[in-house]
Protein backbone atom coordinates (compact mmCIF):
# COMPACT_ATOMS: atom_id res chain seq x y z
CA MET A 1 -0.11 0.12 -0.09
CA ARG A 2 1.49 3.60 -1.07
CA PHE A 3 1.07 6.92 0.77
CA LYS A 4 0.56 10.06 -1.57
CA ALA A 5 2.36 12.92 -0.30
CA ASP A 6 -0.33 15.33 -0.62
CA GLU A 7 -2.87 13.73 1.71
CA ILE A 8 -0.08 13.22 3.86
CA ALA A 9 0.24 17.23 3.77
CA SER A 10 -3.31 17.70 4.35
CA VAL A 11 -3.84 15.36 7.43
CA ILE A 12 -0.60 17.29 9.19
CA GLN A 13 -1.61 21.00 8.09
CA GLN A 14 -5.69 19.70 9.28
CA GLU A 15 -3.57 18.50 12.71
CA ILE A 16 -1.42 21.76 13.48
CA GLU A 17 -4.58 23.88 12.33
CA ARG A 18 -7.10 22.11 15.00
CA TYR A 19 -3.37 22.31 17.06
CA GLU A 20 -4.81 24.14 21.12
CA ALA A 21 -2.09 24.92 23.23
CA GLN A 22 -4.39 24.62 26.10
CA ILE A 23 -4.71 21.74 28.17
CA ASP A 24 -8.13 21.07 29.70
CA VAL A 25 -6.96 20.64 33.38
CA ARG A 26 -10.10 19.41 35.44
CA GLU A 27 -10.06 17.81 38.68
CA VAL A 28 -11.87 14.06 38.06
CA GLY A 29 -12.86 11.81 40.84
CA ARG A 30 -14.23 7.98 41.50
CA VAL A 31 -18.14 7.02 43.06
CA LEU A 32 -17.78 5.43 45.75
CA GLU A 33 -21.74 4.69 46.26
CA VAL A 34 -25.07 5.30 44.47
CA GLY A 35 -28.13 5.26 45.10
CA ASP A 36 -31.39 6.93 45.79
CA GLY A 37 -30.35 10.12 44.19
CA ILE A 38 -26.88 10.76 45.45
CA ALA A 39 -23.48 9.39 44.96
CA ARG A 40 -20.78 9.61 47.30
CA VAL A 41 -17.56 10.85 45.63
CA TYR A 42 -14.16 10.70 46.50
CA GLY A 43 -11.39 13.00 44.93
CA LEU A 44 -12.62 15.73 44.25
CA SER A 45 -10.92 18.00 46.84
CA GLY A 46 -11.57 21.32 44.60
CA VAL A 47 -14.47 21.28 44.47
CA MET A 48 -17.11 24.38 45.53
CA ALA A 49 -20.08 23.64 47.36
CA GLY A 50 -23.13 24.40 44.60
CA GLU A 51 -20.51 23.01 41.94
CA MET A 52 -22.14 20.84 38.72
CA VAL A 53 -20.25 17.73 38.39
CA GLU A 54 -20.59 15.64 35.03
CA PHE A 55 -20.39 11.49 35.32
CA PRO A 56 -19.96 9.37 32.27
CA THR A 57 -23.86 8.98 31.18
CA GLY A 58 -23.80 13.02 31.02
CA VAL A 59 -26.43 13.11 33.63
CA ARG A 60 -24.77 16.85 35.94
CA GLY A 61 -24.57 16.70 39.79
CA LEU A 62 -24.76 19.11 42.23
CA ALA A 63 -22.09 19.16 44.91
CA PHE A 64 -24.65 19.51 48.26
CA ASN A 65 -22.06 17.54 51.09
CA LEU A 66 -18.03 19.00 51.06
CA GLU A 67 -17.20 16.21 53.76
CA GLU A 68 -13.49 15.67 54.82
CA ASN A 69 -12.33 12.61 52.64
CA SER A 70 -15.23 12.27 49.93
CA VAL A 71 -18.15 15.27 48.15
CA GLY A 72 -21.84 13.75 48.15
CA VAL A 73 -23.20 14.93 45.36
CA ILE A 74 -27.08 14.78 44.59
CA ILE A 75 -27.81 13.16 40.89
CA LEU A 76 -30.23 15.84 38.44
CA GLY A 77 -31.53 13.06 37.05
CA ASP A 78 -31.13 9.61 35.98
CA TYR A 79 -29.19 7.94 38.77
CA LEU A 80 -29.39 4.10 37.53
CA GLY A 81 -26.59 4.67 34.53
CA ILE A 82 -24.46 5.46 37.22
CA LYS A 83 -22.01 2.24 39.46
CA GLU A 84 -18.91 2.66 41.80
CA GLY A 85 -15.84 3.28 39.76
CA ASP A 86 -17.75 5.41 37.55
CA GLU A 87 -15.11 8.70 37.02
CA VAL A 88 -16.84 12.19 37.35
CA ARG A 89 -15.75 15.73 36.19
CA SER A 90 -15.82 18.99 38.10
CA THR A 91 -17.00 21.58 35.87
CA GLY A 92 -15.90 24.72 37.58
CA GLN A 93 -19.64 25.74 36.48
CA LEU A 94 -22.78 26.73 39.09
CA LEU A 95 -26.06 25.23 38.14
CA SER A 96 -28.19 27.55 35.68
CA VAL A 97 -31.36 27.27 33.75
CA PRO A 98 -31.90 28.74 30.44
CA VAL A 99 -34.02 31.93 30.69
CA GLY A 100 -36.57 34.57 28.26
CA GLU A 101 -39.47 35.12 26.08
CA ALA A 102 -38.94 31.10 23.93
CA LEU A 103 -39.67 29.76 28.02
CA LEU A 104 -43.06 31.50 27.73
CA GLY A 105 -45.84 28.93 26.45
CA ARG A 106 -43.83 25.50 27.43
CA VAL A 107 -43.57 23.17 29.58
CA VAL A 108 -40.34 22.21 31.24
CA ASP A 109 -38.55 20.05 33.79
CA PRO A 110 -36.40 21.64 36.63
CA LEU A 111 -33.01 22.04 34.34
CA GLY A 112 -34.84 23.53 31.23
CA ASN A 113 -35.30 20.57 29.08
CA PRO A 114 -38.20 20.25 27.29
CA LEU A 115 -41.47 18.18 28.50
CA ASP A 116 -44.11 19.16 25.92
CA GLY A 117 -42.83 17.28 22.34
CA LYS A 118 -42.49 21.03 20.56
CA GLY A 119 -39.34 21.20 20.02
CA PRO A 120 -35.41 22.27 21.79
CA ILE A 121 -35.89 25.96 23.65
CA VAL A 122 -34.20 28.69 21.92
CA THR A 123 -32.18 31.41 24.01
CA GLN A 124 -28.79 32.58 24.59
CA GLU A 125 -29.64 33.89 28.35
CA ARG A 126 -28.82 31.68 31.06
CA ARG A 127 -29.63 32.31 35.01
CA PRO A 128 -27.98 30.74 37.93
CA VAL A 129 -30.92 29.09 40.26
CA GLU A 130 -29.52 30.26 43.18
CA SER A 131 -28.80 33.93 43.54
CA PRO A 132 -28.58 36.49 46.31
CA ALA A 133 -32.18 38.52 46.90
CA PRO A 134 -32.54 42.20 46.05
CA GLY A 135 -31.63 44.07 49.31
CA VAL A 136 -33.78 46.59 51.36
CA ALA A 137 -31.67 49.05 49.65
CA HIS A 138 -32.92 47.99 45.64
CA ARG A 139 -37.03 47.50 46.61
CA GLN A 140 -39.54 49.52 47.01
CA PRO A 141 -42.98 49.33 49.01
CA VAL A 142 -46.04 46.87 47.58
CA LYS A 143 -48.33 49.32 46.62
CA GLU A 144 -49.14 48.05 43.04
CA PRO A 145 -52.24 45.55 43.19
CA LEU A 146 -52.50 42.29 41.96
CA GLN A 147 -55.58 41.38 40.67
CA THR A 148 -56.49 37.34 41.25
CA GLY A 149 -59.81 38.10 40.16
CA ILE A 150 -61.70 36.37 42.98
CA LYS A 151 -64.01 38.57 45.15
CA ALA A 152 -63.27 36.87 48.41
CA ILE A 153 -59.23 37.33 48.00
CA ASP A 154 -59.48 40.97 46.10
CA SER A 155 -61.55 42.16 48.50
CA MET A 156 -60.55 41.33 51.81
CA THR A 157 -57.03 39.94 51.74
CA PRO A 158 -55.65 41.96 48.83
CA ILE A 159 -52.22 40.71 46.80
CA GLY A 160 -50.11 43.50 45.69
CA ARG A 161 -46.94 42.77 42.93
CA GLY A 162 -44.12 42.27 44.66
CA GLN A 163 -45.88 40.34 47.70
CA ARG A 164 -45.38 36.74 49.10
CA GLU A 165 -48.83 35.42 49.95
CA LEU A 166 -49.14 32.21 51.36
CA ILE A 167 -52.06 29.78 50.02
CA ILE A 168 -52.63 27.06 52.89
CA GLY A 169 -54.75 24.20 53.40
CA ASP A 170 -55.35 20.83 54.07
CA ARG A 171 -55.50 18.25 50.42
CA LYS A 172 -58.18 18.67 48.26
CA THR A 173 -59.51 22.40 49.31
CA GLY A 174 -58.82 24.03 46.23
CA LYS A 175 -55.43 25.77 46.69
CA THR A 176 -54.59 24.91 43.38
CA ALA A 177 -57.33 26.62 42.07
CA ILE A 178 -57.26 29.52 43.39
CA CYS A 179 -53.55 30.00 41.51
CA ILE A 180 -54.45 28.83 38.15
CA ASP A 181 -57.74 31.34 38.70
CA THR A 182 -55.30 33.62 38.78
CA ILE A 183 -53.14 32.78 36.30
CA ILE A 184 -55.85 33.35 34.03
CA ASN A 185 -57.02 36.76 35.15
CA GLN A 186 -53.07 38.30 34.27
CA LYS A 187 -54.21 37.68 30.60
CA GLY A 188 -53.66 41.07 29.08
CA THR A 189 -51.89 42.33 31.68
CA GLY A 190 -48.45 42.06 30.93
CA VAL A 191 -47.49 39.57 34.02
CA LYS A 192 -45.60 36.09 32.81
CA CYS A 193 -46.62 33.09 35.14
CA PHE A 194 -44.69 30.41 35.79
CA TYR A 195 -45.96 27.29 37.42
CA VAL A 196 -43.82 25.15 39.10
CA ALA A 197 -45.50 21.61 40.05
CA ILE A 198 -43.23 20.11 42.78
CA GLY A 199 -44.23 16.47 43.54
CA GLN A 200 -47.39 16.11 41.61
CA LYS A 201 -49.02 13.21 40.19
CA GLU A 202 -48.04 14.04 36.22
CA SER A 203 -52.10 13.10 35.65
CA SER A 204 -53.00 16.39 37.71
CA VAL A 205 -50.04 18.35 35.74
CA ALA A 206 -51.08 17.38 32.56
CA GLN A 207 -55.16 18.64 33.54
CA ILE A 208 -53.39 22.41 35.08
CA ILE A 209 -51.99 22.41 31.34
CA ASP A 210 -54.97 21.40 29.64
CA VAL A 211 -56.88 23.94 31.31
CA LEU A 212 -54.12 26.79 30.81
CA HIS A 213 -54.33 26.32 26.72
CA ARG A 214 -58.48 26.34 27.01
CA PHE A 215 -58.69 29.70 28.89
CA GLY A 216 -55.95 31.03 26.39
CA ALA A 217 -52.92 31.47 29.66
CA MET A 218 -50.51 29.01 28.48
CA GLU A 219 -48.96 32.08 25.87
CA TYR A 220 -47.40 33.71 28.91
CA THR A 221 -47.29 31.25 31.08
CA THR A 222 -44.02 28.65 32.04
CA VAL A 223 -44.68 24.92 33.75
CA VAL A 224 -41.98 23.33 35.39
CA VAL A 225 -42.74 20.20 36.10
CA ALA A 226 -40.78 17.55 38.81
CA GLY A 227 -42.96 15.18 39.07
CA ALA A 228 -44.04 12.53 41.87
CA SER A 229 -42.49 10.09 40.51
CA ASP A 230 -38.54 11.86 39.44
CA PRO A 231 -35.59 12.01 42.05
CA ALA A 232 -35.78 14.05 45.17
CA PRO A 233 -33.09 16.05 43.95
CA LEU A 234 -35.16 17.72 40.67
CA GLN A 235 -37.60 17.89 43.27
CA TYR A 236 -35.94 19.98 45.47
CA VAL A 237 -34.09 21.88 42.78
CA ALA A 238 -37.48 22.83 41.11
CA PRO A 239 -38.93 26.13 42.78
CA TYR A 240 -35.22 28.00 42.57
CA ALA A 241 -34.73 27.05 38.75
CA GLY A 242 -38.36 28.45 38.02
CA CYS A 243 -37.86 31.33 40.70
CA ALA A 244 -34.52 32.21 38.29
CA MET A 245 -36.60 32.01 34.73
CA ALA A 246 -39.44 34.14 36.90
CA GLU A 247 -36.35 36.65 37.93
CA TYR A 248 -34.87 37.63 34.61
CA PHE A 249 -38.23 39.40 33.68
CA MET A 250 -38.20 40.83 36.88
CA TYR A 251 -34.80 42.77 36.57
CA LYS A 252 -35.97 43.62 32.83
CA GLY A 253 -38.58 45.82 34.15
CA GLU A 254 -41.49 43.33 34.08
CA HIS A 255 -43.90 41.89 36.23
CA ALA A 256 -43.94 38.39 37.00
CA LEU A 257 -45.62 35.86 38.85
CA VAL A 258 -44.30 32.52 40.21
CA ILE A 259 -46.74 29.78 42.10
CA TYR A 260 -44.81 26.82 43.90
CA ASP A 261 -47.27 24.03 44.46
CA ASP A 262 -46.31 22.82 47.08
CA LEU A 263 -43.44 23.63 49.65
CA THR A 264 -44.54 20.96 51.63
CA ARG A 265 -43.46 18.41 49.16
CA GLN A 266 -39.77 20.60 48.27
CA ALA A 267 -39.58 20.40 52.14
CA GLN A 268 -39.91 16.05 52.69
CA ALA A 269 -37.89 15.94 49.45
CA TYR A 270 -34.78 18.02 51.26
CA ARG A 271 -35.05 16.34 54.17
CA GLN A 272 -35.05 13.02 52.36
CA LEU A 273 -31.72 14.48 50.82
CA SER A 274 -29.98 15.24 53.93
CA LEU A 275 -30.98 12.10 55.65
CA LEU A 276 -29.60 9.86 53.14
CA MET A 277 -26.17 12.35 53.38
CA ARG A 278 -26.32 12.04 57.08
CA ARG A 279 -26.82 15.57 58.20
CA PRO A 280 -28.23 15.80 61.27
CA PRO A 281 -32.29 15.83 61.86
CA GLY A 282 -33.93 18.07 63.50
CA ARG A 283 -37.44 18.77 64.62
CA GLU A 284 -39.57 16.32 62.65
CA ALA A 285 -36.40 15.01 61.37
CA TYR A 286 -36.00 17.79 59.28
CA PRO A 287 -32.26 19.20 58.92
CA GLY A 288 -31.61 22.48 60.87
CA ASP A 289 -31.20 24.71 57.70
CA ILE A 290 -35.25 23.99 56.18
CA PHE A 291 -36.18 27.77 57.37
CA TYR A 292 -33.06 29.08 55.80
CA CYS A 293 -34.40 26.61 52.55
CA HIS A 294 -37.83 28.41 52.04
CA SER A 295 -36.66 31.79 53.47
CA ARG A 296 -33.80 32.71 50.52
CA LEU A 297 -36.41 31.39 48.36
CA LEU A 298 -39.25 33.61 48.70
CA GLU A 299 -37.47 36.51 49.70
CA ARG A 300 -36.22 36.67 45.91
CA ALA A 301 -39.95 37.57 45.39
CA ALA A 302 -39.70 41.26 45.20
CA LYS A 303 -40.88 45.00 43.93
CA LEU A 304 -37.42 46.64 42.20
CA SER A 305 -37.23 50.65 42.91
CA ASP A 306 -37.46 52.77 40.09
CA GLU A 307 -34.01 52.51 39.85
CA ARG A 308 -33.45 49.03 39.42
CA GLY A 309 -36.27 48.79 36.30
CA GLY A 310 -39.21 48.77 38.92
CA GLY A 311 -39.92 45.22 37.99
CA SER A 312 -41.83 42.84 40.53
CA LEU A 313 -41.84 39.12 41.32
CA THR A 314 -44.67 38.16 43.13
CA ALA A 315 -44.78 34.79 44.77
CA LEU A 316 -47.75 32.75 46.11
CA PRO A 317 -46.08 29.39 47.79
CA ILE A 318 -48.59 26.93 48.54
CA VAL A 319 -48.12 24.55 51.68
CA GLU A 320 -50.39 21.18 52.44
CA THR A 321 -51.62 21.17 56.48
CA LEU A 322 -51.98 18.22 57.45
CA GLU A 323 -56.27 18.05 59.85
CA GLY A 324 -55.76 21.94 59.62
CA GLU A 325 -52.80 21.79 61.73
CA VAL A 326 -51.77 25.30 60.68
CA SER A 327 -48.72 25.40 63.89
CA ALA A 328 -46.71 22.16 62.50
CA TYR A 329 -43.12 23.17 61.83
CA ILE A 330 -43.13 23.92 57.78
CA PRO A 331 -46.61 25.77 58.11
CA THR A 332 -45.41 27.98 61.12
CA ASN A 333 -41.82 28.28 59.11
CA VAL A 334 -43.40 29.55 55.57
CA ILE A 335 -45.98 31.72 57.57
CA SER A 336 -43.60 33.78 59.58
CA ILE A 337 -41.70 34.65 56.11
CA THR A 338 -44.63 35.64 53.99
CA ASP A 339 -46.56 38.75 53.96
CA GLY A 340 -49.88 37.34 54.64
CA GLN A 341 -51.65 34.17 54.16
CA ILE A 342 -55.35 32.40 52.57
CA TYR A 343 -55.98 29.70 54.50
CA LEU A 344 -58.75 27.50 53.32
CA GLN A 345 -60.98 24.69 55.37
CA PRO A 346 -62.27 21.88 54.76
CA ASP A 347 -65.61 22.63 56.60
CA LEU A 348 -66.08 25.70 54.55
CA PHE A 349 -65.16 23.88 51.29
CA PHE A 350 -67.54 21.61 51.98
CA ALA A 351 -70.45 23.39 53.05
CA GLY A 352 -70.30 24.62 49.44
CA GLN A 353 -67.98 28.25 50.61
CA ARG A 354 -66.01 28.64 46.80
CA PRO A 355 -63.27 29.34 47.72
CA ALA A 356 -63.35 28.60 50.80
CA MET A 357 -61.38 30.82 53.27
CA ASN A 358 -61.25 31.29 56.63
CA VAL A 359 -61.53 35.31 57.01
CA GLY A 360 -60.53 34.57 60.64
CA ILE A 361 -57.48 33.41 59.73
CA SER A 362 -56.44 34.94 56.26
CA VAL A 363 -54.75 38.01 56.30
CA SER A 364 -52.66 40.37 54.00
CA ARG A 365 -49.58 42.31 55.57
CA VAL A 366 -49.69 44.72 52.88
CA GLY A 367 -53.42 45.17 53.06
CA GLY A 368 -55.12 48.19 51.29
CA LYS A 369 -52.09 48.98 49.58
CA ALA A 370 -52.62 46.41 47.15
CA GLN A 371 -55.83 47.85 46.43
CA ILE A 372 -57.41 50.40 44.15
CA PRO A 373 -59.00 53.36 45.75
CA ALA A 374 -62.55 52.09 44.76
CA MET A 375 -62.11 48.74 46.65
CA LYS A 376 -60.91 49.66 49.79
CA LYS A 377 -63.72 52.07 50.01
CA VAL A 378 -66.70 49.44 49.10
CA ALA A 379 -64.81 46.78 50.96
CA GLY A 380 -63.06 48.74 53.99
CA GLY A 381 -65.31 46.85 57.02
CA LEU A 382 -66.25 43.73 54.88
CA ARG A 383 -63.45 41.31 56.74
CA LEU A 384 -64.50 42.48 59.87
CA ASP A 385 -68.63 41.90 59.40
CA LEU A 386 -68.08 38.59 58.29
CA ALA A 387 -65.16 37.58 60.92
CA ALA A 388 -68.10 39.22 63.05
CA PHE A 389 -71.10 37.00 60.96
CA ARG A 390 -69.39 33.80 62.28
CA GLU A 391 -69.32 34.71 65.59
CA LEU A 392 -72.81 35.34 65.50
CA GLU A 393 -73.65 32.33 63.66
CA ALA A 394 -71.95 29.52 65.71
CA PHE A 395 -74.11 32.05 68.59
CA ALA A 396 -77.09 31.73 67.24
CA GLN A 397 -76.70 27.76 66.97
CA LEU A 398 -77.46 27.36 70.59
CA GLY A 399 -81.13 28.08 69.32
CA THR A 400 -81.42 31.35 71.21
CA GLU A 401 -84.24 33.95 70.93
CA LEU A 402 -82.28 36.67 68.89
CA ASP A 403 -83.28 40.62 68.26
CA PRO A 404 -84.38 42.56 65.79
CA ALA A 405 -80.88 44.03 64.75
CA THR A 406 -78.81 41.03 65.80
CA GLN A 407 -81.15 38.97 62.96
CA ALA A 408 -80.83 41.34 60.43
CA ARG A 409 -76.81 41.65 60.87
CA LEU A 410 -76.84 37.74 60.45
CA ASP A 411 -79.35 37.89 57.58
CA ARG A 412 -77.01 39.97 55.38
CA GLY A 413 -73.91 38.27 56.31
CA TYR A 414 -75.78 35.18 55.01
CA ARG A 415 -75.99 37.15 52.06
CA MET A 416 -72.37 38.60 51.77
CA THR A 417 -71.08 35.18 52.37
CA GLU A 418 -73.31 34.11 48.94
CA LEU A 419 -72.36 36.59 47.14
CA LEU A 420 -68.60 35.92 47.82
CA LYS A 421 -69.26 32.34 46.59
CA GLN A 422 -67.38 32.22 43.22
CA GLY A 423 -67.29 29.40 40.64
CA GLN A 424 -64.12 28.16 38.87
CA TYR A 425 -62.33 29.36 36.21
CA GLN A 426 -64.48 32.53 36.37
CA PRO A 427 -62.54 35.25 37.57
CA MET A 428 -64.04 38.95 37.60
CA HIS A 429 -63.33 42.01 36.44
CA VAL A 430 -62.24 44.12 39.82
CA THR A 431 -65.00 47.23 38.57
CA ASP A 432 -67.69 43.98 38.89
CA GLN A 433 -66.30 42.90 42.19
CA VAL A 434 -66.66 47.07 42.91
CA LEU A 435 -70.22 46.92 41.99
CA VAL A 436 -71.60 44.09 43.75
CA ILE A 437 -69.82 44.28 46.77
CA TYR A 438 -70.94 47.99 47.30
CA ALA A 439 -74.94 46.11 46.34
CA GLY A 440 -74.50 44.16 49.21
CA THR A 441 -72.79 46.19 51.75
CA LYS A 442 -75.14 48.67 51.18
CA GLY A 443 -78.15 46.08 51.65
CA TYR A 444 -79.41 46.44 48.71
CA LEU A 445 -79.31 42.31 48.74
CA ASP A 446 -81.50 42.25 52.33
CA PRO A 447 -85.13 41.82 50.34
CA ILE A 448 -83.65 39.30 47.98
CA PRO A 449 -83.42 35.45 49.11
CA VAL A 450 -79.86 33.91 49.64
CA ALA A 451 -80.68 31.22 47.63
CA GLU A 452 -81.20 34.11 44.52
CA VAL A 453 -78.15 35.88 45.29
CA ARG A 454 -75.67 34.57 42.65
CA THR A 455 -78.88 35.38 40.76
CA TRP A 456 -79.66 38.56 41.12
CA GLU A 457 -75.84 39.13 40.90
CA LYS A 458 -75.91 38.11 37.47
CA LYS A 459 -78.65 40.23 36.04
CA PHE A 460 -77.74 42.98 37.74
CA LEU A 461 -74.04 42.96 35.99
CA GLU A 462 -75.75 42.52 32.56
CA HIS A 463 -77.89 45.22 33.34
CA ILE A 464 -74.82 47.86 34.02
CA HIS A 465 -73.21 46.26 31.00
CA THR A 466 -76.06 47.14 29.09
CA ASN A 467 -77.45 49.77 29.81
CA HIS A 468 -74.83 52.00 31.84
CA LYS A 469 -71.23 51.24 30.55
CA ALA A 470 -70.24 54.80 30.87
CA VAL A 471 -70.21 53.73 34.63
CA TRP A 472 -68.28 50.98 34.67
CA GLN A 473 -66.17 52.78 32.02
CA ARG A 474 -65.73 55.61 34.81
CA ILE A 475 -64.78 53.44 37.64
CA THR A 476 -62.55 51.13 35.58
CA ASP A 477 -61.06 54.35 34.42
CA THR A 478 -60.74 56.55 37.49
CA LYS A 479 -60.10 53.32 40.06
CA ASP A 480 -62.16 55.32 42.31
CA LEU A 481 -65.42 55.49 42.83
CA ASP A 482 -66.62 59.30 43.58
CA ALA A 483 -69.74 61.01 45.33
CA GLU A 484 -71.08 61.80 41.26
CA THR A 485 -70.19 58.09 40.26
CA GLU A 486 -71.57 56.89 43.73
CA GLU A 487 -74.95 59.06 43.30
CA LYS A 488 -75.71 56.96 39.59
CA LEU A 489 -74.82 53.96 40.92
CA VAL A 490 -77.07 54.34 44.14
CA ALA A 491 -80.04 55.73 41.78
CA ILE A 492 -78.94 52.41 38.99
CA LEU A 493 -79.46 49.86 42.10
CA ASP A 494 -82.22 51.40 43.22
CA ASP A 495 -84.07 51.38 39.77
CA PHE A 496 -82.86 47.53 39.05
CA ASN A 497 -84.07 46.28 42.52
CA ARG A 498 -87.82 47.76 42.41
CA GLN A 499 -87.69 45.93 37.99
CA TYR A 500 -86.30 43.18 39.91
CA LEU A 501 -88.55 42.55 42.71
CA GLN A 502 -91.57 43.41 40.68
CA LYS A 503 -91.08 40.83 37.97
CA LYS A 504 -90.40 38.46 41.22
CA GLU A 505 -94.15 39.23 42.45
CA SER A 506 -95.94 39.30 39.35
CA ALA A 507 -94.13 35.95 38.45
CA VAL A 508 -95.52 34.04 41.93
CA ALA A 509 -99.30 36.07 40.79
CA THR A 510 -99.04 34.07 37.36
CA ALA A 511 -97.99 31.23 39.16
CA ALA A 512 -100.68 31.42 41.78
């Protein structure tokens, strides 16, 4: 076999062109043992806490425990292909996820890999999963409302842009439903939404994605999924990844909403990892830094100062209680970190009060600052009135004789609780909420039977939209209820009530 000189010359030329003077120097270790989503690695003496490492299968890991003779690594992916003795390389990088407009409308895993079969996510920008929260000097007070479209919440426990409002309650009491309604209500507001599903059944997540598609909300929403079948490391990382994706928009001067559903499961995944890593257990076997695990996540929600662009990140963490035990370890931790909580009570839920919000325990520490002036005027005393009604109701069940004034307060309370009921996936415009709450608090519902309150509400809003659009538009534009508009509204209510009751009387007479 003869060699051709020109072939040899071209090969040598190619080799010279490709030659790199740099030597690829990396620390390399060996897997000592692997199982349950974690690996102990020997030899990575210079690795940093939180640094990414790479296994031969292409799966990445995160340096979690730095011990004297070995490194505890949590494996972010399929750990079944990793064996004892495998080579592990350090990467010198922190864990990061892709961010940007390309993620909107997509379903991804906590590492930013697509799960929806719509092809790769094309974006050049990435953000570290763990980043420091904005300091006090870079924030401003929460004063801009984030409308959920739910009457009970927008009137009594309002949420502002940049706030952290906990949604807490037993399983199957409508916690996720409130968050999905809030996402649907952000349509046309420019708020980018991120829904992080942690440890949930994948069939439940698929239903939520289907609902978001059906209501046209998926175009401004990203769903981050770490399902119940995913390894504990992915469930632990998921909320931080969702937060990093949402933060991108906050630092751009835009508004974002992130929902963590739910942090109880993330805490359980973190407890599992910590116990496997032989970290000392504390109360309820959770590690000692479980509070820091949640505080560093939720503190990243903020309303930035105008110098920093004025963007905001609103967080709605969900925590599940057992038998209404609000004083358990994780619920008390998260309550102390957040700016208020919406407590959903099973008794109210099963009694047909949806959303099943307990007015006495639920609170927003931002209060009226996160409401438009019109809502502040009409709903000012609503919370206290309803809390007093619940006490009166318990007293009335004893069967004692009630004086007329107490009976009147009870009757109005029944009508107001009926008025605050709302169907799922039916968020309501804030002006419509102002109009119906005004009618309820001013006694226009008193002559209406409790069973007909929802019908009255529907017909009244139809009447306003058809015949008095100018009044509706004025409240929407000014966001206030001035004396002139209130005068017109009183006249509209008087006229509508008179017609409604006349029609009802004539219908009864005809039936008789």
